[in-house]
Full PDB file with SEQRES, HELIX, SHEET, SSBOND, CRYST1, ORIGX, SCALE, CONECT and MASTER records, all heavy atoms in Angstrom:
SEQRES   1 A   41  ASN LYS LYS ILE CYS SER LEU CYS ALA SER LEU ALA VAL          
SEQRES   2 A   41  PHE ARG PHE ALA GLN ALA VAL LEU LEU TYR HIS PRO ILE          
SEQRES   3 A   41  ARG SER GLU VAL ASP VAL ARG PRO LEU LEU GLU MET ALA          
SEQRES   4 A   41  LEU ALA                                                      
HELIX    1 AA1 LYS A    2  SER A   10  1                                   9    
HELIX    2 AA2 ALA A   12  ARG A   15  1                                   4    
HELIX    3 AA3 ARG A   33  LEU A   40  1                                   8    
CRYST1    1.000    1.000    1.000  90.00  90.00  90.00 P 1           1          
ORIGX1      1.000000  0.000000  0.000000        0.00000                         
ORIGX2      0.000000  1.000000  0.000000        0.00000                         
ORIGX3      0.000000  0.000000  1.000000        0.00000                         
SCALE1      1.000000  0.000000  0.000000        0.00000                         
SCALE2      0.000000  1.000000  0.000000        0.00000                         
SCALE3      0.000000  0.000000  1.000000        0.00000                         
ATOM      1  N   ASN A   1      77.716 232.243  44.827  1.00  0.00           N  
ATOM      2  CA  ASN A   1      77.881 231.645  43.454  1.00  0.00           C  
ATOM      3  C   ASN A   1      76.548 231.071  42.957  1.00  0.00           C  
ATOM      4  O   ASN A   1      76.209 231.237  41.787  1.00  0.00           O  
ATOM      5  CB  ASN A   1      78.921 230.541  43.462  1.00  0.00           C  
ATOM      6  CG  ASN A   1      80.329 231.154  43.650  1.00  0.00           C  
ATOM      7  OD1 ASN A   1      80.595 232.294  43.402  1.00  0.00           O  
ATOM      8  ND2 ASN A   1      81.240 230.251  44.184  1.00  0.00           N  
ATOM      9  N   LYS A   2      75.885 230.393  43.803  1.00  0.00           N  
ATOM     10  CA  LYS A   2      74.553 229.819  43.491  1.00  0.00           C  
ATOM     11  C   LYS A   2      73.572 230.883  43.086  1.00  0.00           C  
ATOM     12  O   LYS A   2      72.844 230.717  42.057  1.00  0.00           O  
ATOM     13  CB  LYS A   2      74.033 228.982  44.677  1.00  0.00           C  
ATOM     14  CG  LYS A   2      74.648 227.676  44.872  1.00  0.00           C  
ATOM     15  CD  LYS A   2      74.092 226.886  45.992  1.00  0.00           C  
ATOM     16  CE  LYS A   2      74.902 225.586  46.243  1.00  0.00           C  
ATOM     17  NZ  LYS A   2      74.489 224.885  47.441  1.00  0.00           N  
ATOM     18  N   LYS A   3      73.556 231.958  43.800  1.00  0.00           N  
ATOM     19  CA  LYS A   3      72.615 233.027  43.532  1.00  0.00           C  
ATOM     20  C   LYS A   3      72.955 233.696  42.189  1.00  0.00           C  
ATOM     21  O   LYS A   3      72.112 233.946  41.335  1.00  0.00           O  
ATOM     22  CB  LYS A   3      72.582 234.082  44.654  1.00  0.00           C  
ATOM     23  CG  LYS A   3      71.620 235.191  44.441  1.00  0.00           C  
ATOM     24  CD  LYS A   3      70.266 234.762  44.480  1.00  0.00           C  
ATOM     25  CE  LYS A   3      69.248 236.019  44.342  1.00  0.00           C  
ATOM     26  NZ  LYS A   3      67.941 235.626  44.145  1.00  0.00           N  
ATOM     27  N   ILE A   4      74.228 233.961  41.924  1.00  0.00           N  
ATOM     28  CA  ILE A   4      74.726 234.557  40.711  1.00  0.00           C  
ATOM     29  C   ILE A   4      74.391 233.682  39.497  1.00  0.00           C  
ATOM     30  O   ILE A   4      73.828 234.133  38.510  1.00  0.00           O  
ATOM     31  CB  ILE A   4      76.215 234.869  40.810  1.00  0.00           C  
ATOM     32  CG1 ILE A   4      76.428 236.028  41.816  1.00  0.00           C  
ATOM     33  CG2 ILE A   4      76.795 235.262  39.412  1.00  0.00           C  
ATOM     34  CD1 ILE A   4      77.954 236.300  42.176  1.00  0.00           C  
ATOM     35  N   CYS A   5      74.694 232.419  39.596  1.00  0.00           N  
ATOM     36  CA  CYS A   5      74.330 231.434  38.551  1.00  0.00           C  
ATOM     37  C   CYS A   5      72.912 231.382  38.269  1.00  0.00           C  
ATOM     38  O   CYS A   5      72.428 231.392  37.144  1.00  0.00           O  
ATOM     39  CB  CYS A   5      74.966 230.060  38.861  1.00  0.00           C  
ATOM     40  SG  CYS A   5      76.722 229.977  38.696  1.00  0.00           S  
ATOM     41  N   SER A   6      72.039 231.459  39.337  1.00  0.00           N  
ATOM     42  CA  SER A   6      70.568 231.372  39.166  1.00  0.00           C  
ATOM     43  C   SER A   6      70.091 232.670  38.449  1.00  0.00           C  
ATOM     44  O   SER A   6      69.244 232.581  37.539  1.00  0.00           O  
ATOM     45  CB  SER A   6      69.945 231.280  40.540  1.00  0.00           C  
ATOM     46  OG  SER A   6      68.530 231.362  40.464  1.00  0.00           O  
ATOM     47  N   LEU A   7      70.610 233.804  38.847  1.00  0.00           N  
ATOM     48  CA  LEU A   7      70.255 235.053  38.178  1.00  0.00           C  
ATOM     49  C   LEU A   7      70.609 235.054  36.720  1.00  0.00           C  
ATOM     50  O   LEU A   7      69.864 235.395  35.781  1.00  0.00           O  
ATOM     51  CB  LEU A   7      70.794 236.227  38.902  1.00  0.00           C  
ATOM     52  CG  LEU A   7      70.278 236.591  40.194  1.00  0.00           C  
ATOM     53  CD1 LEU A   7      71.157 237.624  40.986  1.00  0.00           C  
ATOM     54  CD2 LEU A   7      68.826 237.184  40.051  1.00  0.00           C  
ATOM     55  N   CYS A   8      71.824 234.548  36.390  1.00  0.00           N  
ATOM     56  CA  CYS A   8      72.358 234.482  35.068  1.00  0.00           C  
ATOM     57  C   CYS A   8      71.449 233.484  34.250  1.00  0.00           C  
ATOM     58  O   CYS A   8      71.040 233.870  33.143  1.00  0.00           O  
ATOM     59  CB  CYS A   8      73.765 234.028  34.997  1.00  0.00           C  
ATOM     60  SG  CYS A   8      74.512 234.107  33.366  1.00  0.00           S  
ATOM     61  N   ALA A   9      71.124 232.411  34.775  1.00  0.00           N  
ATOM     62  CA  ALA A   9      70.320 231.361  34.080  1.00  0.00           C  
ATOM     63  C   ALA A   9      68.933 231.900  33.743  1.00  0.00           C  
ATOM     64  O   ALA A   9      68.305 231.462  32.797  1.00  0.00           O  
ATOM     65  CB  ALA A   9      70.322 230.112  34.821  1.00  0.00           C  
ATOM     66  N   SER A  10      68.410 232.787  34.547  1.00  0.00           N  
ATOM     67  CA  SER A  10      67.085 233.314  34.382  1.00  0.00           C  
ATOM     68  C   SER A  10      66.985 234.425  33.282  1.00  0.00           C  
ATOM     69  O   SER A  10      65.891 234.721  32.849  1.00  0.00           O  
ATOM     70  CB  SER A  10      66.529 233.868  35.694  1.00  0.00           C  
ATOM     71  OG  SER A  10      67.145 235.090  36.017  1.00  0.00           O  
ATOM     72  N   LEU A  11      68.161 234.909  32.913  1.00  0.00           N  
ATOM     73  CA  LEU A  11      68.123 236.032  31.860  1.00  0.00           C  
ATOM     74  C   LEU A  11      67.726 235.521  30.488  1.00  0.00           C  
ATOM     75  O   LEU A  11      68.195 234.487  30.016  1.00  0.00           O  
ATOM     76  CB  LEU A  11      69.505 236.652  31.748  1.00  0.00           C  
ATOM     77  CG  LEU A  11      70.070 237.431  32.990  1.00  0.00           C  
ATOM     78  CD1 LEU A  11      71.466 237.803  32.720  1.00  0.00           C  
ATOM     79  CD2 LEU A  11      69.153 238.658  33.217  1.00  0.00           C  
ATOM     80  N   ALA A  12      66.928 236.324  29.793  1.00  0.00           N  
ATOM     81  CA  ALA A  12      66.508 235.845  28.409  1.00  0.00           C  
ATOM     82  C   ALA A  12      67.669 235.746  27.529  1.00  0.00           C  
ATOM     83  O   ALA A  12      67.766 234.800  26.748  1.00  0.00           O  
ATOM     84  CB  ALA A  12      65.491 236.893  27.884  1.00  0.00           C  
ATOM     85  N   VAL A  13      68.709 236.607  27.661  1.00  0.00           N  
ATOM     86  CA  VAL A  13      69.887 236.516  26.752  1.00  0.00           C  
ATOM     87  C   VAL A  13      70.645 235.259  27.008  1.00  0.00           C  
ATOM     88  O   VAL A  13      71.217 234.719  26.108  1.00  0.00           O  
ATOM     89  CB  VAL A  13      70.821 237.768  26.877  1.00  0.00           C  
ATOM     90  CG1 VAL A  13      70.216 239.007  26.329  1.00  0.00           C  
ATOM     91  CG2 VAL A  13      71.379 237.913  28.293  1.00  0.00           C  
ATOM     92  N   PHE A  14      70.548 234.661  28.217  1.00  0.00           N  
ATOM     93  CA  PHE A  14      71.240 233.409  28.522  1.00  0.00           C  
ATOM     94  C   PHE A  14      70.312 232.248  28.021  1.00  0.00           C  
ATOM     95  O   PHE A  14      70.788 231.302  27.363  1.00  0.00           O  
ATOM     96  CB  PHE A  14      71.575 233.283  29.962  1.00  0.00           C  
ATOM     97  CG  PHE A  14      72.399 232.029  30.243  1.00  0.00           C  
ATOM     98  CD1 PHE A  14      73.780 231.996  30.138  1.00  0.00           C  
ATOM     99  CD2 PHE A  14      71.781 230.806  30.612  1.00  0.00           C  
ATOM    100  CE1 PHE A  14      74.517 230.881  30.389  1.00  0.00           C  
ATOM    101  CE2 PHE A  14      72.500 229.692  30.818  1.00  0.00           C  
ATOM    102  CZ  PHE A  14      73.880 229.702  30.775  1.00  0.00           C  
ATOM    103  N   ARG A  15      69.084 232.321  28.445  1.00  0.00           N  
ATOM    104  CA  ARG A  15      68.120 231.239  28.080  1.00  0.00           C  
ATOM    105  C   ARG A  15      68.025 230.992  26.620  1.00  0.00           C  
ATOM    106  O   ARG A  15      67.970 229.862  26.170  1.00  0.00           O  
ATOM    107  CB  ARG A  15      66.734 231.527  28.669  1.00  0.00           C  
ATOM    108  CG  ARG A  15      66.625 231.385  30.152  1.00  0.00           C  
ATOM    109  CD  ARG A  15      65.219 231.329  30.663  1.00  0.00           C  
ATOM    110  NE  ARG A  15      64.233 232.034  29.833  1.00  0.00           N  
ATOM    111  CZ  ARG A  15      63.778 233.278  30.055  1.00  0.00           C  
ATOM    112  NH1 ARG A  15      64.275 233.951  31.090  1.00  0.00           N  
ATOM    113  NH2 ARG A  15      62.837 233.790  29.359  1.00  0.00           N  
ATOM    114  N   PHE A  16      67.998 232.058  25.818  1.00  0.00           N  
ATOM    115  CA  PHE A  16      67.847 231.924  24.359  1.00  0.00           C  
ATOM    116  C   PHE A  16      69.189 231.901  23.578  1.00  0.00           C  
ATOM    117  O   PHE A  16      69.162 231.884  22.369  1.00  0.00           O  
ATOM    118  CB  PHE A  16      66.885 233.037  23.838  1.00  0.00           C  
ATOM    119  CG  PHE A  16      65.555 232.871  24.406  1.00  0.00           C  
ATOM    120  CD1 PHE A  16      64.989 233.873  25.264  1.00  0.00           C  
ATOM    121  CD2 PHE A  16      64.722 231.807  24.080  1.00  0.00           C  
ATOM    122  CE1 PHE A  16      63.740 233.722  25.800  1.00  0.00           C  
ATOM    123  CE2 PHE A  16      63.479 231.653  24.570  1.00  0.00           C  
ATOM    124  CZ  PHE A  16      62.927 232.631  25.489  1.00  0.00           C  
ATOM    125  N   ALA A  17      70.280 231.975  24.312  1.00  0.00           N  
ATOM    126  CA  ALA A  17      71.562 231.925  23.576  1.00  0.00           C  
ATOM    127  C   ALA A  17      71.784 230.563  22.954  1.00  0.00           C  
ATOM    128  O   ALA A  17      71.470 229.502  23.518  1.00  0.00           O  
ATOM    129  CB  ALA A  17      72.716 232.223  24.626  1.00  0.00           C  
ATOM    130  N   GLN A  18      72.308 230.641  21.766  1.00  0.00           N  
ATOM    131  CA  GLN A  18      72.670 229.360  21.042  1.00  0.00           C  
ATOM    132  C   GLN A  18      74.067 228.950  21.451  1.00  0.00           C  
ATOM    133  O   GLN A  18      74.396 227.772  21.454  1.00  0.00           O  
ATOM    134  CB  GLN A  18      72.579 229.597  19.569  1.00  0.00           C  
ATOM    135  CG  GLN A  18      71.198 229.899  19.018  1.00  0.00           C  
ATOM    136  CD  GLN A  18      71.293 230.441  17.627  1.00  0.00           C  
ATOM    137  OE1 GLN A  18      71.736 231.562  17.453  1.00  0.00           O  
ATOM    138  NE2 GLN A  18      70.729 229.683  16.704  1.00  0.00           N  
ATOM    139  N   ALA A  19      74.911 229.910  21.832  1.00  0.00           N  
ATOM    140  CA  ALA A  19      76.291 229.691  22.233  1.00  0.00           C  
ATOM    141  C   ALA A  19      76.617 230.445  23.521  1.00  0.00           C  
ATOM    142  O   ALA A  19      76.208 231.553  23.682  1.00  0.00           O  
ATOM    143  CB  ALA A  19      77.202 230.130  21.124  1.00  0.00           C  
ATOM    144  N   VAL A  20      77.323 229.704  24.397  1.00  0.00           N  
ATOM    145  CA  VAL A  20      77.723 230.281  25.682  1.00  0.00           C  
ATOM    146  C   VAL A  20      79.244 230.152  25.750  1.00  0.00           C  
ATOM    147  O   VAL A  20      79.759 229.074  25.747  1.00  0.00           O  
ATOM    148  CB  VAL A  20      77.049 229.519  26.842  1.00  0.00           C  
ATOM    149  CG1 VAL A  20      77.524 230.105  28.171  1.00  0.00           C  
ATOM    150  CG2 VAL A  20      75.535 229.614  26.773  1.00  0.00           C  
ATOM    151  N   LEU A  21      79.866 231.260  25.975  1.00  0.00           N  
ATOM    152  CA  LEU A  21      81.308 231.321  26.148  1.00  0.00           C  
ATOM    153  C   LEU A  21      81.517 231.601  27.597  1.00  0.00           C  
ATOM    154  O   LEU A  21      81.016 232.634  28.097  1.00  0.00           O  
ATOM    155  CB  LEU A  21      81.966 232.398  25.257  1.00  0.00           C  
ATOM    156  CG  LEU A  21      82.103 232.168  23.763  1.00  0.00           C  
ATOM    157  CD1 LEU A  21      80.749 232.116  23.101  1.00  0.00           C  
ATOM    158  CD2 LEU A  21      82.946 233.197  23.122  1.00  0.00           C  
ATOM    159  N   LEU A  22      82.173 230.754  28.309  1.00  0.00           N  
ATOM    160  CA  LEU A  22      82.392 230.951  29.702  1.00  0.00           C  
ATOM    161  C   LEU A  22      83.848 230.564  30.137  1.00  0.00           C  
ATOM    162  O   LEU A  22      84.690 230.251  29.264  1.00  0.00           O  
ATOM    163  CB  LEU A  22      81.372 230.286  30.584  1.00  0.00           C  
ATOM    164  CG  LEU A  22      80.850 228.936  30.228  1.00  0.00           C  
ATOM    165  CD1 LEU A  22      81.815 227.825  30.477  1.00  0.00           C  
ATOM    166  CD2 LEU A  22      79.559 228.671  30.956  1.00  0.00           C  
ATOM    167  N   TYR A  23      84.140 230.598  31.387  1.00  0.00           N  
ATOM    168  CA  TYR A  23      85.493 230.338  31.892  1.00  0.00           C  
ATOM    169  C   TYR A  23      85.371 229.280  32.956  1.00  0.00           C  
ATOM    170  O   TYR A  23      84.365 229.026  33.539  1.00  0.00           O  
ATOM    171  CB  TYR A  23      86.112 231.645  32.435  1.00  0.00           C  
ATOM    172  CG  TYR A  23      85.273 232.223  33.611  1.00  0.00           C  
ATOM    173  CD1 TYR A  23      85.581 231.914  34.922  1.00  0.00           C  
ATOM    174  CD2 TYR A  23      84.233 233.084  33.404  1.00  0.00           C  
ATOM    175  CE1 TYR A  23      84.831 232.358  35.966  1.00  0.00           C  
ATOM    176  CE2 TYR A  23      83.442 233.612  34.412  1.00  0.00           C  
ATOM    177  CZ  TYR A  23      83.768 233.261  35.661  1.00  0.00           C  
ATOM    178  OH  TYR A  23      83.025 233.734  36.775  1.00  0.00           O  
ATOM    179  N   HIS A  24      86.526 228.700  33.230  1.00  0.00           N  
ATOM    180  CA  HIS A  24      86.585 227.766  34.390  1.00  0.00           C  
ATOM    181  C   HIS A  24      87.243 228.571  35.475  1.00  0.00           C  
ATOM    182  O   HIS A  24      88.272 229.180  35.330  1.00  0.00           O  
ATOM    183  CB  HIS A  24      87.470 226.569  34.036  1.00  0.00           C  
ATOM    184  CG  HIS A  24      87.338 225.459  34.942  1.00  0.00           C  
ATOM    185  ND1 HIS A  24      87.938 225.387  36.159  1.00  0.00           N  
ATOM    186  CD2 HIS A  24      86.598 224.260  34.797  1.00  0.00           C  
ATOM    187  CE1 HIS A  24      87.570 224.255  36.763  1.00  0.00           C  
ATOM    188  NE2 HIS A  24      86.765 223.596  35.983  1.00  0.00           N  
ATOM    189  N   PRO A  25      86.601 228.654  36.688  1.00  0.00           N  
ATOM    190  CA  PRO A  25      87.070 229.556  37.800  1.00  0.00           C  
ATOM    191  C   PRO A  25      88.444 229.215  38.282  1.00  0.00           C  
ATOM    192  O   PRO A  25      88.806 228.001  38.437  1.00  0.00           O  
ATOM    193  CB  PRO A  25      85.966 229.450  38.812  1.00  0.00           C  
ATOM    194  CG  PRO A  25      85.434 228.071  38.581  1.00  0.00           C  
ATOM    195  CD  PRO A  25      85.469 227.854  37.094  1.00  0.00           C  
ATOM    196  N   ILE A  26      89.167 230.261  38.591  1.00  0.00           N  
ATOM    197  CA  ILE A  26      90.438 230.140  39.360  1.00  0.00           C  
ATOM    198  C   ILE A  26      90.379 230.998  40.573  1.00  0.00           C  
ATOM    199  O   ILE A  26      89.543 231.910  40.649  1.00  0.00           O  
ATOM    200  CB  ILE A  26      91.700 230.500  38.439  1.00  0.00           C  
ATOM    201  CG1 ILE A  26      91.552 231.954  37.957  1.00  0.00           C  
ATOM    202  CG2 ILE A  26      91.825 229.563  37.321  1.00  0.00           C  
ATOM    203  CD1 ILE A  26      92.851 232.469  37.309  1.00  0.00           C  
ATOM    204  N   ARG A  27      91.243 230.694  41.533  1.00  0.00           N  
ATOM    205  CA  ARG A  27      91.299 231.426  42.800  1.00  0.00           C  
ATOM    206  C   ARG A  27      89.907 231.550  43.391  1.00  0.00           C  
ATOM    207  O   ARG A  27      89.238 230.540  43.534  1.00  0.00           O  
ATOM    208  CB  ARG A  27      91.998 232.792  42.582  1.00  0.00           C  
ATOM    209  CG  ARG A  27      93.396 232.658  41.983  1.00  0.00           C  
ATOM    210  CD  ARG A  27      94.074 233.969  41.909  1.00  0.00           C  
ATOM    211  NE  ARG A  27      95.170 233.884  40.950  1.00  0.00           N  
ATOM    212  CZ  ARG A  27      95.288 234.565  39.848  1.00  0.00           C  
ATOM    213  NH1 ARG A  27      94.383 235.474  39.539  1.00  0.00           N  
ATOM    214  NH2 ARG A  27      96.330 234.414  39.007  1.00  0.00           N  
ATOM    215  N   SER A  28      89.484 232.745  43.643  1.00  0.00           N  
ATOM    216  CA  SER A  28      88.180 232.916  44.302  1.00  0.00           C  
ATOM    217  C   SER A  28      87.213 233.593  43.375  1.00  0.00           C  
ATOM    218  O   SER A  28      86.261 234.293  43.751  1.00  0.00           O  
ATOM    219  CB  SER A  28      88.378 233.854  45.549  1.00  0.00           C  
ATOM    220  OG  SER A  28      89.064 235.023  45.215  1.00  0.00           O  
ATOM    221  N   GLU A  29      87.311 233.344  42.035  1.00  0.00           N  
ATOM    222  CA  GLU A  29      86.400 233.859  41.074  1.00  0.00           C  
ATOM    223  C   GLU A  29      84.997 233.242  41.214  1.00  0.00           C  
ATOM    224  O   GLU A  29      84.884 232.079  41.769  1.00  0.00           O  
ATOM    225  CB  GLU A  29      86.849 233.512  39.579  1.00  0.00           C  
ATOM    226  CG  GLU A  29      88.082 234.288  39.172  1.00  0.00           C  
ATOM    227  CD  GLU A  29      88.564 233.912  37.771  1.00  0.00           C  
ATOM    228  OE1 GLU A  29      88.247 232.849  37.296  1.00  0.00           O  
ATOM    229  OE2 GLU A  29      89.292 234.701  37.241  1.00  0.00           O  
ATOM    230  N   VAL A  30      83.994 233.939  40.728  1.00  0.00           N  
ATOM    231  CA  VAL A  30      82.643 233.375  40.762  1.00  0.00           C  
ATOM    232  C   VAL A  30      82.672 232.068  39.998  1.00  0.00           C  
ATOM    233  O   VAL A  30      83.145 231.921  38.854  1.00  0.00           O  
ATOM    234  CB  VAL A  30      81.632 234.361  40.067  1.00  0.00           C  
ATOM    235  CG1 VAL A  30      80.301 233.705  39.934  1.00  0.00           C  
ATOM    236  CG2 VAL A  30      81.573 235.662  40.867  1.00  0.00           C  
ATOM    237  N   ASP A  31      82.107 230.999  40.585  1.00  0.00           N  
ATOM    238  CA  ASP A  31      82.185 229.637  40.080  1.00  0.00           C  
ATOM    239  C   ASP A  31      80.975 229.455  39.119  1.00  0.00           C  
ATOM    240  O   ASP A  31      79.790 229.447  39.599  1.00  0.00           O  
ATOM    241  CB  ASP A  31      82.125 228.636  41.184  1.00  0.00           C  
ATOM    242  CG  ASP A  31      82.306 227.213  40.747  1.00  0.00           C  
ATOM    243  OD1 ASP A  31      82.217 226.961  39.517  1.00  0.00           O  
ATOM    244  OD2 ASP A  31      82.618 226.335  41.541  1.00  0.00           O  
ATOM    245  N   VAL A  32      81.255 229.351  37.818  1.00  0.00           N  
ATOM    246  CA  VAL A  32      80.197 229.209  36.848  1.00  0.00           C  
ATOM    247  C   VAL A  32      80.064 227.772  36.334  1.00  0.00           C  
ATOM    248  O   VAL A  32      79.319 227.530  35.397  1.00  0.00           O  
ATOM    249  CB  VAL A  32      80.444 230.183  35.621  1.00  0.00           C  
ATOM    250  CG1 VAL A  32      80.345 231.638  36.066  1.00  0.00           C  
ATOM    251  CG2 VAL A  32      81.795 229.852  34.957  1.00  0.00           C  
ATOM    252  N   ARG A  33      80.659 226.818  36.988  1.00  0.00           N  
ATOM    253  CA  ARG A  33      80.545 225.416  36.522  1.00  0.00           C  
ATOM    254  C   ARG A  33      79.101 224.967  36.440  1.00  0.00           C  
ATOM    255  O   ARG A  33      78.772 224.184  35.512  1.00  0.00           O  
ATOM    256  CB  ARG A  33      81.405 224.513  37.335  1.00  0.00           C  
ATOM    257  CG  ARG A  33      82.899 224.713  36.989  1.00  0.00           C  
ATOM    258  CD  ARG A  33      83.806 223.930  37.825  1.00  0.00           C  
ATOM    259  NE  ARG A  33      83.766 224.420  39.296  1.00  0.00           N  
ATOM    260  CZ  ARG A  33      84.536 224.016  40.203  1.00  0.00           C  
ATOM    261  NH1 ARG A  33      85.366 222.956  40.011  1.00  0.00           N  
ATOM    262  NH2 ARG A  33      84.475 224.465  41.454  1.00  0.00           N  
ATOM    263  N   PRO A  34      78.228 225.380  37.322  1.00  0.00           N  
ATOM    264  CA  PRO A  34      76.798 224.945  37.142  1.00  0.00           C  
ATOM    265  C   PRO A  34      76.252 225.470  35.859  1.00  0.00           C  
ATOM    266  O   PRO A  34      75.400 224.758  35.176  1.00  0.00           O  
ATOM    267  CB  PRO A  34      76.056 225.540  38.330  1.00  0.00           C  
ATOM    268  CG  PRO A  34      77.123 225.710  39.361  1.00  0.00           C  
ATOM    269  CD  PRO A  34      78.387 226.054  38.607  1.00  0.00           C  
ATOM    270  N   LEU A  35      76.646 226.630  35.310  1.00  0.00           N  
ATOM    271  CA  LEU A  35      76.144 227.180  34.119  1.00  0.00           C  
ATOM    272  C   LEU A  35      76.752 226.383  32.940  1.00  0.00           C  
ATOM    273  O   LEU A  35      76.075 226.179  31.902  1.00  0.00           O  
ATOM    274  CB  LEU A  35      76.456 228.664  33.940  1.00  0.00           C  
ATOM    275  CG  LEU A  35      75.742 229.539  34.976  1.00  0.00           C  
ATOM    276  CD1 LEU A  35      76.272 231.003  34.885  1.00  0.00           C  
ATOM    277  CD2 LEU A  35      74.220 229.497  34.703  1.00  0.00           C  
ATOM    278  N   LEU A  36      77.959 225.945  33.110  1.00  0.00           N  
ATOM    279  CA  LEU A  36      78.566 225.098  32.023  1.00  0.00           C  
ATOM    280  C   LEU A  36      77.735 223.800  31.866  1.00  0.00           C  
ATOM    281  O   LEU A  36      77.381 223.439  30.796  1.00  0.00           O  
ATOM    282  CB  LEU A  36      80.063 224.736  32.462  1.00  0.00           C  
ATOM    283  CG  LEU A  36      80.713 223.617  31.707  1.00  0.00           C  
ATOM    284  CD1 LEU A  36      81.156 224.101  30.345  1.00  0.00           C  
ATOM    285  CD2 LEU A  36      81.978 223.182  32.469  1.00  0.00           C  
ATOM    286  N   GLU A  37      77.468 223.142  33.003  1.00  0.00           N  
ATOM    287  CA  GLU A  37      76.648 221.869  33.012  1.00  0.00           C  
ATOM    288  C   GLU A  37      75.291 222.159  32.399  1.00  0.00           C  
ATOM    289  O   GLU A  37      74.757 221.373  31.639  1.00  0.00           O  
ATOM    290  CB  GLU A  37      76.522 221.340  34.422  1.00  0.00           C  
ATOM    291  CG  GLU A  37      77.832 220.951  35.091  1.00  0.00           C  
ATOM    292  CD  GLU A  37      78.376 219.668  34.666  1.00  0.00           C  
ATOM    293  OE1 GLU A  37      77.705 218.883  33.856  1.00  0.00           O  
ATOM    294  OE2 GLU A  37      79.538 219.297  35.055  1.00  0.00           O  
ATOM    295  N   MET A  38      74.597 223.249  32.844  1.00  0.00           N  
ATOM    296  CA  MET A  38      73.310 223.538  32.329  1.00  0.00           C  
ATOM    297  C   MET A  38      73.266 223.831  30.805  1.00  0.00           C  
ATOM    298  O   MET A  38      72.434 223.298  30.085  1.00  0.00           O  
ATOM    299  CB  MET A  38      72.760 224.832  33.004  1.00  0.00           C  
ATOM    300  CG  MET A  38      71.396 225.303  32.587  1.00  0.00           C  
ATOM    301  SD  MET A  38      70.952 226.877  33.241  1.00  0.00           S  
ATOM    302  CE  MET A  38      70.953 226.479  34.985  1.00  0.00           C  
ATOM    303  N   ALA A  39      74.278 224.606  30.371  1.00  0.00           N  
ATOM    304  CA  ALA A  39      74.337 224.914  28.966  1.00  0.00           C  
ATOM    305  C   ALA A  39      74.561 223.615  28.096  1.00  0.00           C  
ATOM    306  O   ALA A  39      73.937 223.424  27.056  1.00  0.00           O  
ATOM    307  CB  ALA A  39      75.440 225.969  28.626  1.00  0.00           C  
ATOM    308  N   LEU A  40      75.406 222.728  28.630  1.00  0.00           N  
ATOM    309  CA  LEU A  40      75.623 221.494  27.874  1.00  0.00           C  
ATOM    310  C   LEU A  40      74.313 220.582  27.911  1.00  0.00           C  
ATOM    311  O   LEU A  40      74.028 220.029  26.865  1.00  0.00           O  
ATOM    312  CB  LEU A  40      76.810 220.708  28.566  1.00  0.00           C  
ATOM    313  CG  LEU A  40      78.213 221.242  28.281  1.00  0.00           C  
ATOM    314  CD1 LEU A  40      79.257 220.587  29.202  1.00  0.00           C  
ATOM    315  CD2 LEU A  40      78.593 221.113  26.809  1.00  0.00           C  
ATOM    316  N   ALA A  41      73.691 220.562  29.034  1.00  0.00           N  
ATOM    317  CA  ALA A  41      72.462 219.785  29.151  1.00  0.00           C  
ATOM    318  C   ALA A  41      71.366 220.307  28.206  1.00  0.00           C  
ATOM    319  O   ALA A  41      70.580 219.537  27.711  1.00  0.00           O  
ATOM    320  CB  ALA A  41      71.974 219.741  30.607  1.00  0.00           C  
TER     321      ALA A  41                                                      
MASTER        0    0    0    3    0    0    0    6  320    1    0    4          
END                                                                             
């Protein structure tokens, strides 16, 4: 999850996005909560 979030955060489309639509993980889904926190920050 940490590696996937790091790769996502490094993408230009993510870095320069004005809006981020994401999900809150359930079961064993990839946990994107760090990206939620980062986007809010």
